[in-house]
Protein backbone atom coordinates (compact mmCIF):
# COMPACT_ATOMS: atom_id res chain seq x y z
CA UNK A 1 -39.41 36.40 3.32
CA UNK A 2 -38.84 33.31 5.75
CA UNK A 3 -40.08 30.00 4.66
CA UNK A 4 -43.70 29.66 5.86
CA UNK A 5 -43.16 26.10 6.40
CA UNK A 6 -39.57 25.44 7.54
CA UNK A 7 -38.15 21.90 7.47
CA UNK A 8 -37.90 20.80 11.05
CA UNK A 9 -34.81 18.69 10.13
CA UNK A 10 -32.80 21.69 9.51
CA UNK A 11 -32.78 22.75 13.20
CA UNK A 12 -31.39 19.32 14.26
CA UNK A 13 -27.89 19.65 15.93
CA UNK A 14 -25.08 17.85 14.04
CA UNK A 15 -24.79 15.33 16.74
CA UNK A 16 -28.37 14.01 16.03
CA UNK A 17 -27.28 13.40 12.46
CA UNK A 18 -24.00 11.94 13.19
CA UNK A 19 -24.24 8.70 11.12
CA UNK A 20 -23.41 5.16 12.41
CA UNK A 21 -22.00 4.42 8.92
CA UNK A 22 -18.90 6.40 10.20
CA UNK A 23 -17.54 3.36 11.68
CA UNK A 24 -16.89 2.11 8.22
CA UNK A 25 -14.03 4.49 8.28
CA UNK A 26 -12.45 2.47 10.92
CA UNK A 27 -12.61 -0.47 9.04
CA UNK A 28 -10.81 1.27 6.09
CA UNK A 29 -7.97 2.53 8.29
CA UNK A 30 -7.47 -0.76 10.11
CA UNK A 31 -7.29 -2.59 6.61
CA UNK A 32 -4.62 -0.16 5.60
CA UNK A 33 -2.75 -0.70 8.72
CA UNK A 34 -2.95 -4.40 8.23
CA UNK A 35 -1.79 -4.04 4.58
CA UNK A 36 1.38 -2.16 5.78
CA UNK A 37 2.05 -4.65 8.62
CA UNK A 38 1.83 -7.40 5.93
CA UNK A 39 4.20 -5.41 3.80
CA UNK A 40 6.88 -5.36 6.44
CA UNK A 41 7.18 -9.27 5.90
CA UNK A 42 6.28 -9.53 2.35
CA UNK A 43 7.90 -6.42 0.86
CA UNK A 44 10.58 -5.54 3.27
CA UNK A 45 8.99 -2.19 4.22
CA UNK A 46 9.83 -0.44 7.78
CA UNK A 47 7.31 -0.97 10.38
CA UNK A 48 7.07 2.54 11.18
CA UNK A 49 4.28 3.47 8.80
CA UNK A 50 2.11 0.66 10.14
CA UNK A 51 2.70 1.65 13.69
CA UNK A 52 1.61 5.20 13.11
CA UNK A 53 -1.47 3.87 11.19
CA UNK A 54 -2.40 1.64 14.11
CA UNK A 55 -2.21 4.66 16.65
CA UNK A 56 -4.18 6.79 14.23
CA UNK A 57 -7.00 4.11 13.82
CA UNK A 58 -7.20 3.55 17.50
CA UNK A 59 -7.70 7.29 18.15
CA UNK A 60 -10.35 7.49 15.39
CA UNK A 61 -12.18 4.62 16.69
CA UNK A 62 -12.21 5.96 20.25
CA UNK A 63 -13.28 9.23 18.95
CA UNK A 64 -16.12 7.97 16.79
CA UNK A 65 -17.15 5.70 19.80
CA UNK A 66 -17.30 8.45 22.38
CA UNK A 67 -19.20 10.60 19.79
CA UNK A 68 -21.85 8.00 19.07
CA UNK A 69 -22.28 7.23 22.79
CA UNK A 70 -23.02 10.84 23.36
CA UNK A 71 -25.51 10.77 20.70
CA UNK A 72 -27.04 7.76 22.09
CA UNK A 73 -27.53 9.65 25.40
CA UNK A 74 -28.81 12.82 23.87
CA UNK A 75 -30.65 11.69 20.77
CA UNK A 76 -31.57 8.04 21.66
CA UNK A 77 -34.40 8.36 19.09
CA UNK A 78 -32.18 9.01 16.35
CA UNK A 79 -30.11 5.90 17.16
CA UNK A 80 -33.24 3.66 17.48
CA UNK A 81 -34.23 4.94 14.03
CA UNK A 82 -30.86 4.02 12.52
CA UNK A 83 -31.21 0.63 14.16
CA UNK A 84 -34.52 -0.01 12.71
CA UNK A 85 -33.49 1.17 9.23
CA UNK A 86 -33.13 -1.54 6.67
CA UNK A 87 -29.99 -0.33 5.35
CA UNK A 88 -28.37 1.59 8.31
CA UNK A 89 -28.55 -1.13 10.56
CA UNK A 90 -25.92 -3.09 8.74
CA UNK A 91 -23.34 -0.37 9.82
CA UNK A 92 -23.71 -1.10 13.46
CA UNK A 93 -21.64 -4.26 12.78
CA UNK A 94 -18.75 -1.90 11.40
CA UNK A 95 -18.11 -1.38 15.09
CA UNK A 96 -17.81 -5.06 15.94
CA UNK A 97 -15.81 -5.67 12.72
CA UNK A 98 -13.43 -2.70 13.43
CA UNK A 99 -12.84 -4.62 16.99
CA UNK A 100 -12.02 -7.84 15.16
CA UNK A 101 -9.72 -6.08 12.89
CA UNK A 102 -7.91 -4.22 15.58
CA UNK A 103 -7.50 -7.54 17.35
CA UNK A 104 -5.47 -8.77 14.25
CA UNK A 105 -3.45 -5.40 14.18
CA UNK A 106 -2.52 -5.56 17.69
CA UNK A 107 -1.42 -9.20 17.80
CA UNK A 108 2.35 -8.00 17.62
CA UNK A 109 1.77 -5.18 20.15
CA UNK A 110 -0.14 -7.24 22.96
CA UNK A 111 -1.70 -10.66 22.91
CA UNK A 112 -3.71 -9.65 25.83
CA UNK A 113 -5.06 -6.57 24.35
CA UNK A 114 -5.72 -8.55 21.10
CA UNK A 115 -7.44 -11.38 22.99
CA UNK A 116 -9.70 -8.93 24.83
CA UNK A 117 -10.52 -7.12 21.50
CA UNK A 118 -11.42 -10.40 19.78
CA UNK A 119 -13.58 -11.61 22.51
CA UNK A 120 -15.64 -8.33 22.32
CA UNK A 121 -15.64 -7.97 18.82
CA UNK A 122 -16.64 -11.72 17.96
CA UNK A 123 -19.24 -11.80 20.82
CA UNK A 124 -20.93 -8.58 19.83
CA UNK A 125 -20.80 -9.39 16.00
CA UNK A 126 -22.48 -12.78 16.66
CA UNK A 127 -25.21 -10.94 18.45
CA UNK A 128 -25.62 -8.35 15.75
CA UNK A 129 -25.73 -11.19 13.27
CA UNK A 130 -28.46 -13.10 14.93
CA UNK A 131 -30.33 -9.73 15.40
CA UNK A 132 -30.21 -8.71 11.81
CA UNK A 133 -31.05 -12.12 10.23
CA UNK A 134 -33.95 -12.36 12.75
CA UNK A 135 -35.08 -8.95 11.47
CA UNK A 136 -34.74 -10.26 7.72
CA UNK A 137 -36.91 -13.46 8.45
CA UNK A 138 -39.60 -11.74 10.45
CA UNK A 139 -39.54 -8.50 8.32
CA UNK A 140 -42.40 -6.29 7.84
CA UNK A 141 -40.40 -3.33 6.15
CA UNK A 142 -37.69 -4.87 4.20
CA UNK A 143 -37.92 -4.64 0.40
CA UNK A 144 -35.89 -5.61 -2.70
CA UNK A 145 -34.87 -1.99 -3.03
CA UNK A 146 -33.27 -2.26 0.58
CA UNK A 147 -30.90 -5.01 -0.41
CA UNK A 148 -27.45 -3.54 -1.05
CA UNK A 149 -23.72 -4.97 -0.67
CA UNK A 150 -23.88 -3.27 2.73
CA UNK A 151 -25.85 -6.34 3.92
CA UNK A 152 -22.73 -8.34 3.68
CA UNK A 153 -21.35 -6.33 6.69
CA UNK A 154 -23.41 -7.92 9.70
CA UNK A 155 -23.35 -11.54 8.34
CA UNK A 156 -20.60 -12.09 5.99
CA UNK A 157 -18.22 -10.11 8.26
CA UNK A 158 -18.15 -13.20 10.58
CA UNK A 159 -15.48 -14.44 8.18
CA UNK A 160 -12.99 -12.04 9.75
CA UNK A 161 -13.01 -13.70 13.24
CA UNK A 162 -10.59 -16.57 12.30
CA UNK A 163 -7.77 -14.28 11.39
CA UNK A 164 -7.08 -13.53 15.03
CA UNK A 165 -9.23 -16.33 16.61
CA UNK A 166 -6.83 -19.08 15.62
CA UNK A 167 -3.84 -17.12 16.95
CA UNK A 168 -5.74 -17.13 20.19
CA UNK A 169 -6.45 -20.77 20.29
CA UNK A 170 -10.07 -20.69 19.26
CA UNK A 171 -9.82 -22.96 16.44
CA UNK A 172 -13.39 -24.44 16.46
CA UNK A 173 -14.82 -21.15 17.07
CA UNK A 174 -13.01 -19.73 14.27
CA UNK A 175 -14.41 -22.44 11.77
CA UNK A 176 -17.92 -21.38 13.28
CA UNK A 177 -17.40 -17.96 12.32
CA UNK A 178 -15.82 -19.01 8.92
CA UNK A 179 -18.76 -21.10 7.94
CA UNK A 180 -21.29 -18.52 8.62
CA UNK A 181 -19.49 -15.93 6.57
CA UNK A 182 -18.51 -18.10 3.79
CA UNK A 183 -21.94 -19.81 3.25
CA UNK A 184 -24.14 -16.77 3.64
CA UNK A 185 -21.92 -14.84 1.40
CA UNK A 186 -23.15 -17.04 -1.56
CA UNK A 187 -26.67 -16.52 -0.52
CA UNK A 188 -26.56 -12.85 -0.07
CA UNK A 189 -24.62 -12.38 -3.18
CA UNK A 190 -27.24 -14.27 -5.16
CA UNK A 191 -29.75 -11.78 -3.73
CA UNK A 192 -27.77 -8.67 -4.45
CA UNK A 193 -27.12 -9.71 -8.09
CA UNK A 194 -30.92 -10.60 -8.34
CA UNK A 195 -31.44 -6.92 -7.13
CA UNK A 196 -28.96 -5.32 -9.45
CA UNK A 197 -29.97 -7.38 -12.65
CA UNK A 198 -33.72 -7.40 -12.26
CA UNK A 199 -34.80 -4.54 -10.22
CA UNK A 200 -33.98 -0.55 -9.91
CA UNK A 201 -30.35 0.08 -10.07
CA UNK A 202 -28.56 1.21 -6.87
CA UNK A 203 -28.84 4.88 -6.21
CA UNK A 204 -25.78 7.12 -6.70
CA UNK A 205 -25.12 7.44 -3.02
CA UNK A 206 -24.87 3.49 -2.64
CA UNK A 207 -23.05 2.67 -5.79
CA UNK A 208 -19.54 2.61 -3.92
CA UNK A 209 -20.83 -0.19 -1.82
CA UNK A 210 -20.45 -2.50 -4.88
CA UNK A 211 -16.85 -2.81 -3.74
CA UNK A 212 -17.93 -4.40 -0.65
CA UNK A 213 -18.20 -7.54 -2.94
CA UNK A 214 -14.37 -7.75 -3.18
CA UNK A 215 -14.05 -8.38 0.69
CA UNK A 216 -15.79 -11.71 1.14
CA UNK A 217 -13.64 -13.79 -1.05
CA UNK A 218 -10.49 -11.63 -0.32
CA UNK A 219 -11.02 -11.94 3.63
CA UNK A 220 -12.13 -15.42 3.18
CA UNK A 221 -8.74 -16.23 1.51
CA UNK A 222 -6.85 -14.73 4.41
CA UNK A 223 -8.97 -16.45 7.08
CA UNK A 224 -8.76 -19.67 5.30
CA UNK A 225 -4.97 -19.67 5.34
CA UNK A 226 -5.02 -19.18 9.30
CA UNK A 227 -7.36 -22.15 9.47
CA UNK A 228 -5.25 -24.20 6.95
CA UNK A 229 -1.91 -23.66 8.62
CA UNK A 230 -0.91 -21.08 5.87
CA UNK A 231 -1.20 -23.46 3.04
CA UNK A 232 -2.49 -22.30 -0.35
CA UNK A 233 -4.48 -25.03 -1.73
CA UNK A 234 -6.95 -25.08 -4.46
CA UNK A 235 -9.96 -23.77 -2.41
CA UNK A 236 -7.59 -20.84 -1.39
CA UNK A 237 -7.05 -20.19 -4.82
CA UNK A 238 -10.73 -20.28 -5.68
CA UNK A 239 -11.18 -17.55 -3.09
CA UNK A 240 -8.31 -15.34 -4.20
CA UNK A 241 -9.12 -15.48 -7.95
CA UNK A 242 -12.81 -14.83 -7.10
CA UNK A 243 -11.69 -11.48 -5.36
CA UNK A 244 -9.43 -10.77 -8.25
CA UNK A 245 -12.28 -11.20 -10.81
CA UNK A 246 -14.48 -8.85 -8.77
CA UNK A 247 -11.73 -6.31 -8.40
CA UNK A 248 -11.04 -6.18 -12.26
CA UNK A 249 -14.77 -5.99 -13.02
CA UNK A 250 -15.20 -2.93 -10.67
CA UNK A 251 -12.04 -1.37 -12.02
CA UNK A 252 -13.51 -1.48 -15.56
CA UNK A 253 -16.15 0.86 -14.38
CA UNK A 254 -13.92 3.52 -12.71
CA UNK A 255 -14.97 6.22 -15.07
CA UNK A 256 -18.71 5.57 -13.66
CA UNK A 257 -17.35 5.66 -10.08
CA UNK A 258 -15.29 8.73 -10.62
CA UNK A 259 -18.50 10.73 -11.32
CA UNK A 260 -20.08 10.07 -8.17
CA UNK A 261 -20.39 13.03 -5.64
CA UNK A 262 -18.50 12.54 -2.31
CA UNK A 263 -20.54 10.55 0.25
CA UNK A 264 -19.70 8.80 3.56
CA UNK A 265 -20.27 5.50 1.44
CA UNK A 266 -16.99 6.34 -0.36
CA UNK A 267 -15.43 4.47 2.50
CA UNK A 268 -16.70 1.33 1.09
CA UNK A 269 -13.88 1.48 -1.43
CA UNK A 270 -11.21 1.23 1.30
CA UNK A 271 -11.53 -2.05 3.33
CA UNK A 272 -12.21 -4.24 0.34
CA UNK A 273 -9.14 -2.88 -1.48
CA UNK A 274 -6.97 -3.46 1.69
CA UNK A 275 -8.26 -6.85 2.19
CA UNK A 276 -7.33 -7.60 -1.71
CA UNK A 277 -3.90 -6.05 -1.07
CA UNK A 278 -3.27 -8.33 2.05
CA UNK A 279 -4.51 -11.51 0.12
CA UNK A 280 -2.26 -10.53 -2.96
CA UNK A 281 0.81 -10.22 -0.61
CA UNK A 282 0.08 -13.60 0.72
CA UNK A 283 -0.10 -14.94 -2.76
CA UNK A 284 3.25 -13.43 -3.49
CA UNK A 285 4.77 -15.04 -0.39
CA UNK A 286 3.55 -18.38 -1.65
CA UNK A 287 4.11 -18.34 -5.26
CA UNK A 288 7.07 -15.83 -5.54
CA UNK A 289 5.75 -14.83 -8.95
CA UNK A 290 6.75 -11.61 -10.29
CA UNK A 291 3.09 -10.90 -11.36
CA UNK A 292 2.00 -11.07 -7.59
CA UNK A 293 5.06 -9.04 -6.60
CA UNK A 294 3.94 -6.36 -8.93
CA UNK A 295 0.37 -6.46 -7.96
CA UNK A 296 1.27 -6.26 -4.44
CA UNK A 297 3.03 -3.03 -4.82
CA UNK A 298 0.27 -1.75 -7.04
CA UNK A 299 -2.58 -2.74 -4.46
CA UNK A 300 -0.59 -1.32 -1.50
CA UNK A 301 0.03 1.89 -3.22
CA UNK A 302 -3.51 2.18 -4.63
CA UNK A 303 -5.28 1.47 -1.28
CA UNK A 304 -3.06 3.96 0.54
CA UNK A 305 -3.92 6.58 -2.12
CA UNK A 306 -7.53 5.86 -1.73
CA UNK A 307 -7.52 6.11 2.12
CA UNK A 308 -5.52 9.24 2.07
CA UNK A 309 -8.03 10.79 -0.44
CA UNK A 310 -10.97 9.61 1.82
CA UNK A 311 -9.25 11.26 4.91
CA UNK A 312 -8.96 14.62 3.04
CA UNK A 313 -12.58 14.42 1.77
CA UNK A 314 -14.07 13.28 4.85
CA UNK A 315 -12.35 16.19 6.77
CA UNK A 316 -13.48 18.64 4.31
CA UNK A 317 -17.13 17.26 4.58
CA UNK A 318 -16.86 17.44 8.38
CA UNK A 319 -15.86 21.21 8.36
CA UNK A 320 -18.41 22.09 5.93
CA UNK A 321 -21.17 20.12 7.43
CA UNK A 322 -21.87 18.18 4.47
CA UNK A 323 -21.97 14.91 6.18
CA UNK A 324 -24.65 16.09 8.85
CA UNK A 325 -27.53 16.17 6.71
CA UNK A 326 -30.89 14.21 6.99
CA UNK A 327 -30.94 10.95 4.90
């Protein structure tokens, strides 16, 4: 007998359920691209892999953007619901961060294209930061349970801007974005640890977002090198070793993460690991220590494996429709 009370969400087309969190995959792909670009100079690898990855990343971003714009036209109510959701709203900033990362990745391809991407990405990200923080200040729906490491994306994500910003001559603007990302990383990190330690644990679906905690100090290290003329001083070391510790802490819990069923949130593994791989290669170039050389190879291989695994699992989930389920 058919269900007398069918769930109306089951009749929703896949497009209406297409998640904005998909843009996190572009962050991961761009991070991998930048890792291989860095490896051309630090590890002496051929540029072909990074070039292929750059084209793939640009195609994925274009495809996701067109799909989400179509969703906005046909299912605007769903887009508004995501934009008002206390957790999903953070992933809108993954789009602007993707533009900022592509601005870095295209520096060697076209300075004009990189400049355009940086202007668009930095401007959009600043607007999203202001909007999200306004929502937090005047909130009526945010609770402690809504605080997750994904909150780093719209605010701490500003720390990415200097990496290409300095190259385009926006030194003071780059310090502005760096200050926002660094200082509010400390604030949000405190809030997230408070939630983790003294409130309900993160649900399984959001556990992979813990890896996002690697990104602020790792990206901050790379951004600071740009602002500091490439010099690794004591403050740079502070950022790098903070990232190293968080990475070690999370890797001690791999058995726990390995038991998690696949969700789109798995992409939270990718960009932070890529950022740490890039930071490690920078440390190798500065110190010429065998430790950082080995770690550079290990992190590059590791993040490449992770992203390839994520591509396979995401493709499989797309084919089966697993990703297009009501939240």
